[in-house]
C-alpha atoms as a PDB file:
ATOM      1  CA  MET A   1    -124.465 -33.485  18.355  1.00  0.00           C
ATOM      2  CA  SER A   2    -121.735 -31.249  18.830  1.00  0.00           C
ATOM      3  CA  SER A   3    -117.938 -32.266  19.005  1.00  0.00           C
ATOM      4  CA  SER A   4    -115.989 -31.768  21.648  1.00  0.00           C
ATOM      5  CA  SER A   5    -114.194 -28.714  19.983  1.00  0.00           C
ATOM      6  CA  ASP A   6    -117.448 -27.250  19.555  1.00  0.00           C
ATOM      7  CA  GLU A   7    -118.330 -27.536  23.322  1.00  0.00           C
ATOM      8  CA  TYR A   8    -114.686 -25.569  24.048  1.00  0.00           C
ATOM      9  CA  LEU A   9    -115.469 -23.190  21.670  1.00  0.00           C
ATOM     10  CA  ASP A  10    -119.185 -22.562  23.280  1.00  0.00           C
ATOM     11  CA  ARG A  11    -117.642 -22.365  26.589  1.00  0.00           C
ATOM     12  CA  GLY A  12    -114.387 -20.099  25.713  1.00  0.00           C
ATOM     13  CA  GLU A  13    -117.484 -17.586  23.820  1.00  0.00           C
ATOM     14  CA  GLY A  14    -117.519 -14.328  25.326  1.00  0.00           C
ATOM     15  CA  THR A  15    -114.855 -14.240  27.675  1.00  0.00           C
ATOM     16  CA  ASN A  16    -112.234 -11.700  27.334  1.00  0.00           C
ATOM     17  CA  PRO A  17    -108.403 -12.301  25.402  1.00  0.00           C
ATOM     18  CA  ALA A  18    -106.808 -11.285  28.937  1.00  0.00           C
ATOM     19  CA  THR A  19    -108.960 -14.532  30.919  1.00  0.00           C
ATOM     20  CA  ALA A  20    -108.702 -16.504  28.244  1.00  0.00           C
ATOM     21  CA  MET A  21    -104.854 -15.736  28.642  1.00  0.00           C
ATOM     22  CA  MET A  22    -105.031 -16.735  32.338  1.00  0.00           C
ATOM     23  CA  SER A  23    -106.757 -20.005  32.029  1.00  0.00           C
ATOM     24  CA  GLY A  24    -104.144 -21.050  29.448  1.00  0.00           C
ATOM     25  CA  ILE A  25    -101.567 -20.588  31.648  1.00  0.00           C
ATOM     26  CA  SER A  26    -103.648 -21.605  34.856  1.00  0.00           C
ATOM     27  CA  GLY A  27    -104.409 -24.911  32.686  1.00  0.00           C
ATOM     28  CA  ALA A  28    -100.361 -25.043  31.914  1.00  0.00           C
ATOM     29  CA  ILE A  29     -99.435 -24.453  35.572  1.00  0.00           C
ATOM     30  CA  TYR A  30    -101.763 -27.432  36.695  1.00  0.00           C
ATOM     31  CA  ALA A  31    -100.177 -29.505  34.058  1.00  0.00           C
ATOM     32  CA  ALA A  32     -97.229 -29.124  35.135  1.00  0.00           C
ATOM     33  CA  PHE A  33     -97.947 -29.474  38.767  1.00  0.00           C
ATOM     34  CA  GLY A  34     -99.761 -32.497  38.237  1.00  0.00           C
ATOM     35  CA  GLY A  35     -96.961 -34.069  35.908  1.00  0.00           C
ATOM     36  CA  LEU A  36     -94.812 -33.345  39.561  1.00  0.00           C
ATOM     37  CA  ILE A  37     -97.295 -35.195  41.488  1.00  0.00           C
ATOM     38  CA  MET A  38     -97.107 -37.528  38.941  1.00  0.00           C
ATOM     39  CA  VAL A  39     -93.627 -38.051  39.377  1.00  0.00           C
ATOM     40  CA  MET A  40     -93.670 -37.974  43.103  1.00  0.00           C
ATOM     41  CA  SER A  41     -96.289 -40.446  43.516  1.00  0.00           C
ATOM     42  CA  SER A  42     -94.013 -43.030  41.343  1.00  0.00           C
ATOM     43  CA  ALA A  43     -91.171 -42.391  43.674  1.00  0.00           C
ATOM     44  CA  PHE A  44     -92.819 -43.043  46.858  1.00  0.00           C
ATOM     45  CA  ASP A  45     -94.449 -46.265  45.070  1.00  0.00           C
ATOM     46  CA  GLY A  46     -90.984 -47.443  44.222  1.00  0.00           C
ATOM     47  CA  ILE A  47     -89.722 -46.426  47.823  1.00  0.00           C
ATOM     48  CA  ALA A  48     -92.538 -48.684  48.861  1.00  0.00           C
ATOM     49  CA  ASP A  49     -92.188 -51.236  46.846  1.00  0.00           C
ATOM     50  CA  LEU A  50     -88.384 -51.678  48.275  1.00  0.00           C
ATOM     51  CA  MET A  51     -89.495 -51.680  51.674  1.00  0.00           C
ATOM     52  CA  ASP A  52     -92.220 -54.579  50.927  1.00  0.00           C
ATOM     53  CA  VAL A  53     -88.675 -56.268  49.414  1.00  0.00           C
ATOM     54  CA  PHE A  54     -86.755 -55.175  52.737  1.00  0.00           C
ATOM     55  CA  GLY A  55     -89.965 -56.421  54.827  1.00  0.00           C
ATOM     56  CA  ALA A  56     -90.014 -59.803  52.751  1.00  0.00           C
ATOM     57  CA  SER A  57     -86.693 -60.725  53.294  1.00  0.00           C
ATOM     58  CA  ARG A  58     -86.449 -59.873  57.096  1.00  0.00           C
ATOM     59  CA  ASP A  59     -89.898 -62.505  57.857  1.00  0.00           C
ATOM     60  CA  PHE A  60     -87.223 -64.818  55.589  1.00  0.00           C
ATOM     61  CA  PHE A  61     -85.064 -64.270  57.928  1.00  0.00           C
ATOM     62  CA  VAL A  62     -86.956 -64.670  61.244  1.00  0.00           C
ATOM     63  CA  ALA A  63     -88.405 -67.506  59.260  1.00  0.00           C
ATOM     64  CA  PHE A  64     -84.960 -69.155  58.591  1.00  0.00           C
ATOM     65  CA  LEU A  65     -83.970 -68.626  62.579  1.00  0.00           C
ATOM     66  CA  THR A  66     -87.451 -69.366  64.235  1.00  0.00           C
ATOM     67  CA  GLU A  67     -88.448 -72.214  61.991  1.00  0.00           C
ATOM     68  CA  PRO A  68     -85.449 -75.221  63.259  1.00  0.00           C
ATOM     69  CA  ILE A  69     -86.796 -74.827  66.790  1.00  0.00           C
ATOM     70  CA  SER A  70     -89.832 -76.787  65.552  1.00  0.00           C
ATOM     71  CA  VAL A  71     -87.829 -79.377  64.075  1.00  0.00           C
ATOM     72  CA  LEU A  72     -85.845 -79.646  67.136  1.00  0.00           C
ATOM     73  CA  SER A  73     -88.748 -79.711  69.211  1.00  0.00           C
ATOM     74  CA  ALA A  74     -89.765 -82.626  66.886  1.00  0.00           C
ATOM     75  CA  GLY A  75     -86.730 -84.357  67.182  1.00  0.00           C
ATOM     76  CA  ALA A  76     -86.611 -83.592  70.858  1.00  0.00           C
ATOM     77  CA  GLN A  77     -90.482 -85.566  71.036  1.00  0.00           C
ATOM     78  CA  GLN A  78     -89.328 -88.415  68.928  1.00  0.00           C
ATOM     79  CA  THR A  79     -86.006 -89.294  71.050  1.00  0.00           C
ATOM     80  CA  ILE A  80     -88.547 -89.305  73.854  1.00  0.00           C
ATOM     81  CA  TYR A  81     -90.553 -91.540  72.204  1.00  0.00           C
ATOM     82  CA  SER A  82     -87.530 -93.824  71.085  1.00  0.00           C
ATOM     83  CA  ILE A  83     -86.233 -93.928  75.096  1.00  0.00           C
ATOM     84  CA  THR A  84     -89.843 -94.713  76.250  1.00  0.00           C
ATOM     85  CA  VAL A  85     -91.777 -96.855  73.904  1.00  0.00           C
ATOM     86  CA  GLY A  86     -90.387 -96.981  71.010  1.00  0.00           C
ATOM     87  CA  ASP A  87     -88.878 -99.048  68.630  1.00  0.00           C
ATOM     88  CA  TRP A  88     -85.648 -98.705  69.952  1.00  0.00           C
ATOM     89  CA  SER A  89     -86.315 -97.921  73.497  1.00  0.00           C
ATOM     90  CA  PHE A  90     -84.519-101.075  74.265  1.00  0.00           C
ATOM     91  CA  PHE A  91     -81.660 -98.733  74.142  1.00  0.00           C
ATOM     92  CA  GLY A  92     -82.970 -95.952  76.425  1.00  0.00           C
ATOM     93  CA  PRO A  93     -80.970 -93.060  77.396  1.00  0.00           C
ATOM     94  CA  ALA A  94     -78.380 -93.974  74.499  1.00  0.00           C
ATOM     95  CA  THR A  95     -81.016 -93.854  71.597  1.00  0.00           C
ATOM     96  CA  PHE A  96     -80.005 -90.433  70.706  1.00  0.00           C
ATOM     97  CA  THR A  97     -75.989 -91.502  71.155  1.00  0.00           C
ATOM     98  CA  VAL A  98     -76.988 -94.676  68.877  1.00  0.00           C
ATOM     99  CA  ALA A  99     -78.761 -92.804  66.257  1.00  0.00           C
ATOM    100  CA  VAL A 100     -75.856 -90.152  65.874  1.00  0.00           C
ATOM    101  CA  VAL A 101     -73.008 -92.697  66.007  1.00  0.00           C
ATOM    102  CA  SER A 102     -74.754 -94.812  63.009  1.00  0.00           C
ATOM    103  CA  ILE A 103     -74.920 -91.497  61.319  1.00  0.00           C
ATOM    104  CA  ALA A 104     -70.841 -91.431  62.089  1.00  0.00           C
ATOM    105  CA  LEU A 105     -70.182 -94.842  60.678  1.00  0.00           C
ATOM    106  CA  ALA A 106     -72.217 -94.141  57.639  1.00  0.00           C
ATOM    107  CA  TRP A 107     -70.385 -91.044  56.127  1.00  0.00           C
ATOM    108  CA  ALA A 108     -67.361 -93.228  57.064  1.00  0.00           C
ATOM    109  CA  ALA A 109     -68.294 -96.316  55.245  1.00  0.00           C
ATOM    110  CA  TRP A 110     -68.864 -94.147  52.388  1.00  0.00           C
ATOM    111  CA  SER A 111     -66.361 -92.001  52.447  1.00  0.00           C
ATOM    112  CA  PHE A 112     -64.131 -95.670  52.496  1.00  0.00           C
ATOM    113  CA  LEU A 113     -65.659 -96.876  49.429  1.00  0.00           C
ATOM    114  CA  ASP A 114     -66.150 -93.682  47.736  1.00  0.00           C
ATOM    115  CA  PRO A 115     -68.820 -94.782  45.292  1.00  0.00           C
ATOM    116  CA  GLU A 116     -68.436 -92.970  41.992  1.00  0.00           C
ATOM    117  CA  ILE A 117     -71.876 -91.545  41.519  1.00  0.00           C
ATOM    118  CA  PRO A 118     -71.293 -88.962  38.802  1.00  0.00           C
ATOM    119  CA  ILE A 119     -74.184 -86.272  39.245  1.00  0.00           C
ATOM    120  CA  VAL A 120     -72.796 -86.378  42.704  1.00  0.00           C
ATOM    121  CA  ASP A 121     -69.055 -86.225  41.801  1.00  0.00           C
ATOM    122  CA  ASP A 122     -69.931 -82.998  39.534  1.00  0.00           C
ATOM    123  CA  LEU A 123     -72.138 -81.251  41.956  1.00  0.00           C
ATOM    124  CA  VAL A 124     -69.327 -81.743  45.212  1.00  0.00           C
ATOM    125  CA  PRO A 125     -66.008 -80.605  43.777  1.00  0.00           C
ATOM    126  CA  TRP A 126     -64.143 -82.141  46.696  1.00  0.00           C
ATOM    127  CA  ARG A 127     -65.193 -85.856  45.456  1.00  0.00           C
END
């Protein structure tokens, strides 16, 4: 069994020097264009990756704007349920108002009492 260098030499046997020179130059040109093609392919792959990032960002912002609609719909359905048959249905149409007022009162009580919570005080600078 012959080595790979012997195979190359066997293929070149019987060719004249001009043909060998043209083959060598052709090989160098092919290698240069192959390298250029690889550089262009890498550049286009980078652009494609950048477009994927832009697409993911677009999907995030679309979800950021449209997903709260499902939360609002669920809140409206729960409000309708609580007005008609829920545990707090005795408030009737004022159920949502009672909920908002109770949140406002809880916030006012929290602000008035101003409890010392080290982690919250570190995270929220105005406390």
